[in-house]
Amino acid sequence: MKKLFEKVIDLIVWCWNNPVMKYIFFGGCATLVNLGSYYVIRLVTDIDINVANTISVCIAILFAYFTNSRFVFESKAETFKEKFSEFVKFISARLLTMVVEVGGVWLMVDFLHMNDYLCKFLIQFIVLALNYVFSKFLIFTKK
């Protein structure tokens, strides 16, 4: 039992020290925030699907900025100007992928007549990959 516990601890440490694994973990958390807030908004309100989707994406974007800048990419920005620039680039990239997400869900629901929850889930894989590329190579670049 002790060996199993040590292996689990080693795996956790390896994941924490691996930037891709950290991104997948916190990206998964952001996806849960996105999907969870979408579900709650749709459950308790009569808001249009696209409005609910946009609100849930905005909530997830804010969550993702703080987790990515602090834990995943360990931002080296020190001054307000550097942090603000990083934030603007992050928000800009996420707004682009929000268009991909909202547009993708809209297209799949309206034209393919798929379930909106399934569409929202499926599009997350494309969005996750795009967000990683933008964050890694355009936003949280080492100085």
C-alpha atoms as a PDB file:
ATOM      1  CA  MET A   1       0.000   0.000   0.000  1.00  0.00           C
ATOM      2  CA  LYS A   2       2.882   2.330   0.802  1.00  0.00           C
ATOM      3  CA  LYS A   3       4.409   1.754  -2.670  1.00  0.00           C
ATOM      4  CA  LEU A   4       1.092   2.609  -4.333  1.00  0.00           C
ATOM      5  CA  PHE A   5       0.840   5.814  -2.301  1.00  0.00           C
ATOM      6  CA  GLU A   6       4.407   6.769  -3.281  1.00  0.00           C
ATOM      7  CA  LYS A   7       3.636   6.106  -6.953  1.00  0.00           C
ATOM      8  CA  VAL A   8       0.530   8.283  -6.767  1.00  0.00           C
ATOM      9  CA  ILE A   9       2.551  11.084  -5.141  1.00  0.00           C
ATOM     10  CA  ASP A  10       5.249  10.739  -7.816  1.00  0.00           C
ATOM     11  CA  LEU A  11       2.598  10.946 -10.542  1.00  0.00           C
ATOM     12  CA  ILE A  12       1.088  14.074  -8.973  1.00  0.00           C
ATOM     13  CA  VAL A  13       4.517  15.717  -8.722  1.00  0.00           C
ATOM     14  CA  TRP A  14       5.331  14.781 -12.328  1.00  0.00           C
ATOM     15  CA  CYS A  15       2.014  16.240 -13.519  1.00  0.00           C
ATOM     16  CA  TRP A  16       2.556  19.442 -11.541  1.00  0.00           C
ATOM     17  CA  ASN A  17       6.023  19.903 -13.031  1.00  0.00           C
ATOM     18  CA  ASN A  18       4.837  19.219 -16.583  1.00  0.00           C
ATOM     19  CA  PRO A  19       3.457  22.404 -18.218  1.00  0.00           C
ATOM     20  CA  VAL A  20       1.237  20.520 -20.664  1.00  0.00           C
ATOM     21  CA  MET A  21      -0.298  18.440 -17.870  1.00  0.00           C
ATOM     22  CA  LYS A  22      -0.888  21.593 -15.809  1.00  0.00           C
ATOM     23  CA  TYR A  23      -2.539  23.227 -18.814  1.00  0.00           C
ATOM     24  CA  ILE A  24      -4.755  20.191 -19.348  1.00  0.00           C
ATOM     25  CA  PHE A  25      -5.719  20.165 -15.660  1.00  0.00           C
ATOM     26  CA  PHE A  26      -6.492  23.887 -15.400  1.00  0.00           C
ATOM     27  CA  GLY A  27      -7.992  23.878 -18.895  1.00  0.00           C
ATOM     28  CA  GLY A  28     -10.247  21.091 -17.693  1.00  0.00           C
ATOM     29  CA  CYS A  29     -11.166  23.187 -14.659  1.00  0.00           C
ATOM     30  CA  ALA A  30     -11.952  26.165 -16.922  1.00  0.00           C
ATOM     31  CA  THR A  31     -14.030  23.867 -19.123  1.00  0.00           C
ATOM     32  CA  LEU A  32     -15.963  22.723 -16.048  1.00  0.00           C
ATOM     33  CA  VAL A  33     -16.514  26.364 -15.067  1.00  0.00           C
ATOM     34  CA  ASN A  34     -17.703  27.046 -18.631  1.00  0.00           C
ATOM     35  CA  LEU A  35     -20.008  24.021 -18.855  1.00  0.00           C
ATOM     36  CA  GLY A  36     -21.226  24.361 -15.265  1.00  0.00           C
ATOM     37  CA  SER A  37     -22.091  28.033 -15.559  1.00  0.00           C
ATOM     38  CA  TYR A  38     -23.801  27.362 -18.913  1.00  0.00           C
ATOM     39  CA  TYR A  39     -25.871  24.606 -17.358  1.00  0.00           C
ATOM     40  CA  VAL A  40     -26.863  26.756 -14.375  1.00  0.00           C
ATOM     41  CA  ILE A  41     -27.726  29.750 -16.574  1.00  0.00           C
ATOM     42  CA  ARG A  42     -29.875  27.562 -18.855  1.00  0.00           C
ATOM     43  CA  LEU A  43     -31.459  25.827 -15.873  1.00  0.00           C
ATOM     44  CA  VAL A  44     -32.493  28.906 -13.899  1.00  0.00           C
ATOM     45  CA  THR A  45     -33.172  31.412 -16.695  1.00  0.00           C
ATOM     46  CA  ASP A  46     -34.964  31.556 -19.982  1.00  0.00           C
ATOM     47  CA  ILE A  47     -31.991  33.244 -21.690  1.00  0.00           C
ATOM     48  CA  ASP A  48     -31.264  32.512 -25.345  1.00  0.00           C
ATOM     49  CA  ILE A  49     -28.696  29.745 -25.942  1.00  0.00           C
ATOM     50  CA  ASN A  50     -26.179  32.126 -27.554  1.00  0.00           C
ATOM     51  CA  VAL A  51     -26.418  34.671 -24.719  1.00  0.00           C
ATOM     52  CA  ALA A  52     -26.034  31.941 -22.090  1.00  0.00           C
ATOM     53  CA  ASN A  53     -23.076  30.542 -24.023  1.00  0.00           C
ATOM     54  CA  THR A  54     -21.413  33.967 -24.237  1.00  0.00           C
ATOM     55  CA  ILE A  55     -21.855  34.619 -20.499  1.00  0.00           C
ATOM     56  CA  SER A  56     -20.466  31.205 -19.551  1.00  0.00           C
ATOM     57  CA  VAL A  57     -17.457  31.667 -21.835  1.00  0.00           C
ATOM     58  CA  CYS A  58     -16.714  35.088 -20.289  1.00  0.00           C
ATOM     59  CA  ILE A  59     -16.787  33.591 -16.787  1.00  0.00           C
ATOM     60  CA  ALA A  60     -14.440  30.802 -17.909  1.00  0.00           C
ATOM     61  CA  ILE A  61     -12.084  33.289 -19.590  1.00  0.00           C
ATOM     62  CA  LEU A  62     -11.594  35.217 -16.332  1.00  0.00           C
ATOM     63  CA  PHE A  63     -11.015  31.983 -14.423  1.00  0.00           C
ATOM     64  CA  ALA A  64      -8.552  30.786 -17.074  1.00  0.00           C
ATOM     65  CA  TYR A  65      -6.546  34.016 -17.071  1.00  0.00           C
ATOM     66  CA  PHE A  66      -5.829  33.804 -13.359  1.00  0.00           C
ATOM     67  CA  THR A  67      -4.999  30.094 -13.345  1.00  0.00           C
ATOM     68  CA  ASN A  68      -2.914  30.212 -16.535  1.00  0.00           C
ATOM     69  CA  SER A  69      -0.924  33.292 -15.609  1.00  0.00           C
ATOM     70  CA  ARG A  70      -0.183  32.085 -12.121  1.00  0.00           C
ATOM     71  CA  PHE A  71       0.029  28.296 -12.211  1.00  0.00           C
ATOM     72  CA  VAL A  72       0.441  27.087 -15.790  1.00  0.00           C
ATOM     73  CA  PHE A  73       2.707  29.565 -17.546  1.00  0.00           C
ATOM     74  CA  GLU A  74       4.013  31.216 -14.358  1.00  0.00           C
ATOM     75  CA  SER A  75       3.907  34.719 -15.775  1.00  0.00           C
ATOM     76  CA  LYS A  76       7.073  36.746 -15.378  1.00  0.00           C
ATOM     77  CA  ALA A  77       5.266  40.053 -15.875  1.00  0.00           C
ATOM     78  CA  GLU A  78       6.210  42.368 -13.032  1.00  0.00           C
ATOM     79  CA  THR A  79       5.036  45.864 -13.840  1.00  0.00           C
ATOM     80  CA  PHE A  80       1.435  46.948 -14.268  1.00  0.00           C
ATOM     81  CA  LYS A  81       2.141  47.679 -17.927  1.00  0.00           C
ATOM     82  CA  GLU A  82       3.488  44.150 -18.526  1.00  0.00           C
ATOM     83  CA  LYS A  83       0.592  42.517 -16.671  1.00  0.00           C
ATOM     84  CA  PHE A  84      -1.957  44.671 -18.469  1.00  0.00           C
ATOM     85  CA  SER A  85      -0.404  43.865 -21.850  1.00  0.00           C
ATOM     86  CA  GLU A  86      -0.514  40.153 -21.041  1.00  0.00           C
ATOM     87  CA  PHE A  87      -4.140  40.436 -19.906  1.00  0.00           C
ATOM     88  CA  VAL A  88      -5.163  42.280 -23.085  1.00  0.00           C
ATOM     89  CA  LYS A  89      -3.433  39.682 -25.281  1.00  0.00           C
ATOM     90  CA  PHE A  90      -5.069  36.884 -23.284  1.00  0.00           C
ATOM     91  CA  ILE A  91      -8.539  38.415 -23.526  1.00  0.00           C
ATOM     92  CA  SER A  92      -8.062  39.121 -27.247  1.00  0.00           C
ATOM     93  CA  ALA A  93      -7.055  35.527 -27.968  1.00  0.00           C
ATOM     94  CA  ARG A  94      -9.902  34.190 -25.856  1.00  0.00           C
ATOM     95  CA  LEU A  95     -12.400  36.456 -27.596  1.00  0.00           C
ATOM     96  CA  LEU A  96     -11.237  34.933 -30.865  1.00  0.00           C
ATOM     97  CA  THR A  97     -11.758  31.401 -29.560  1.00  0.00           C
ATOM     98  CA  MET A  98     -15.079  32.515 -28.043  1.00  0.00           C
ATOM     99  CA  VAL A  99     -16.198  33.373 -31.585  1.00  0.00           C
ATOM    100  CA  VAL A 100     -15.118  29.880 -32.639  1.00  0.00           C
ATOM    101  CA  GLU A 101     -17.033  28.375 -29.718  1.00  0.00           C
ATOM    102  CA  VAL A 102     -20.229  30.418 -29.940  1.00  0.00           C
ATOM    103  CA  GLY A 103     -20.235  30.188 -33.734  1.00  0.00           C
ATOM    104  CA  GLY A 104     -19.526  26.470 -33.656  1.00  0.00           C
ATOM    105  CA  VAL A 105     -22.306  25.762 -31.185  1.00  0.00           C
ATOM    106  CA  TRP A 106     -24.708  27.943 -33.162  1.00  0.00           C
ATOM    107  CA  LEU A 107     -23.852  26.206 -36.441  1.00  0.00           C
ATOM    108  CA  MET A 108     -24.146  22.710 -34.981  1.00  0.00           C
ATOM    109  CA  VAL A 109     -27.443  23.459 -33.217  1.00  0.00           C
ATOM    110  CA  ASP A 110     -29.129  25.428 -35.992  1.00  0.00           C
ATOM    111  CA  PHE A 111     -27.874  23.579 -39.054  1.00  0.00           C
ATOM    112  CA  LEU A 112     -27.056  20.085 -37.830  1.00  0.00           C
ATOM    113  CA  HIS A 113     -29.888  20.063 -35.260  1.00  0.00           C
ATOM    114  CA  MET A 114     -27.637  18.642 -32.562  1.00  0.00           C
ATOM    115  CA  ASN A 115     -28.209  18.943 -28.815  1.00  0.00           C
ATOM    116  CA  ASP A 116     -26.760  22.234 -27.505  1.00  0.00           C
ATOM    117  CA  TYR A 117     -25.106  20.574 -24.487  1.00  0.00           C
ATOM    118  CA  LEU A 118     -23.375  18.011 -26.706  1.00  0.00           C
ATOM    119  CA  CYS A 119     -22.239  20.743 -29.121  1.00  0.00           C
ATOM    120  CA  LYS A 120     -20.898  22.828 -26.229  1.00  0.00           C
ATOM    121  CA  PHE A 121     -18.951  19.799 -24.970  1.00  0.00           C
ATOM    122  CA  LEU A 122     -17.524  18.801 -28.373  1.00  0.00           C
ATOM    123  CA  ILE A 123     -16.338  22.289 -29.321  1.00  0.00           C
ATOM    124  CA  GLN A 124     -14.308  22.472 -26.093  1.00  0.00           C
ATOM    125  CA  PHE A 125     -11.595  20.240 -27.589  1.00  0.00           C
ATOM    126  CA  ILE A 126     -10.958  22.665 -30.457  1.00  0.00           C
ATOM    127  CA  VAL A 127     -11.051  25.656 -28.119  1.00  0.00           C
ATOM    128  CA  LEU A 128      -8.682  24.011 -25.622  1.00  0.00           C
ATOM    129  CA  ALA A 129      -6.073  23.327 -28.314  1.00  0.00           C
ATOM    130  CA  LEU A 130      -6.300  26.838 -29.792  1.00  0.00           C
ATOM    131  CA  ASN A 131      -6.077  28.450 -26.361  1.00  0.00           C
ATOM    132  CA  TYR A 132      -2.937  26.480 -25.514  1.00  0.00           C
ATOM    133  CA  VAL A 133      -1.193  27.533 -28.714  1.00  0.00           C
ATOM    134  CA  PHE A 134      -2.108  31.201 -28.193  1.00  0.00           C
ATOM    135  CA  SER A 135      -1.078  31.177 -24.530  1.00  0.00           C
ATOM    136  CA  LYS A 136       2.184  29.300 -25.043  1.00  0.00           C
ATOM    137  CA  PHE A 137       3.458  31.144 -28.094  1.00  0.00           C
ATOM    138  CA  LEU A 138       1.810  34.576 -28.084  1.00  0.00           C
ATOM    139  CA  ILE A 139       0.802  35.568 -24.562  1.00  0.00           C
ATOM    140  CA  PHE A 140       2.929  34.103 -21.769  1.00  0.00           C
ATOM    141  CA  THR A 141       6.232  34.268 -23.581  1.00  0.00           C
ATOM    142  CA  LYS A 142       9.411  34.410 -21.567  1.00  0.00           C
ATOM    143  CA  LYS A 143      11.020  37.832 -21.535  1.00  0.00           C
END
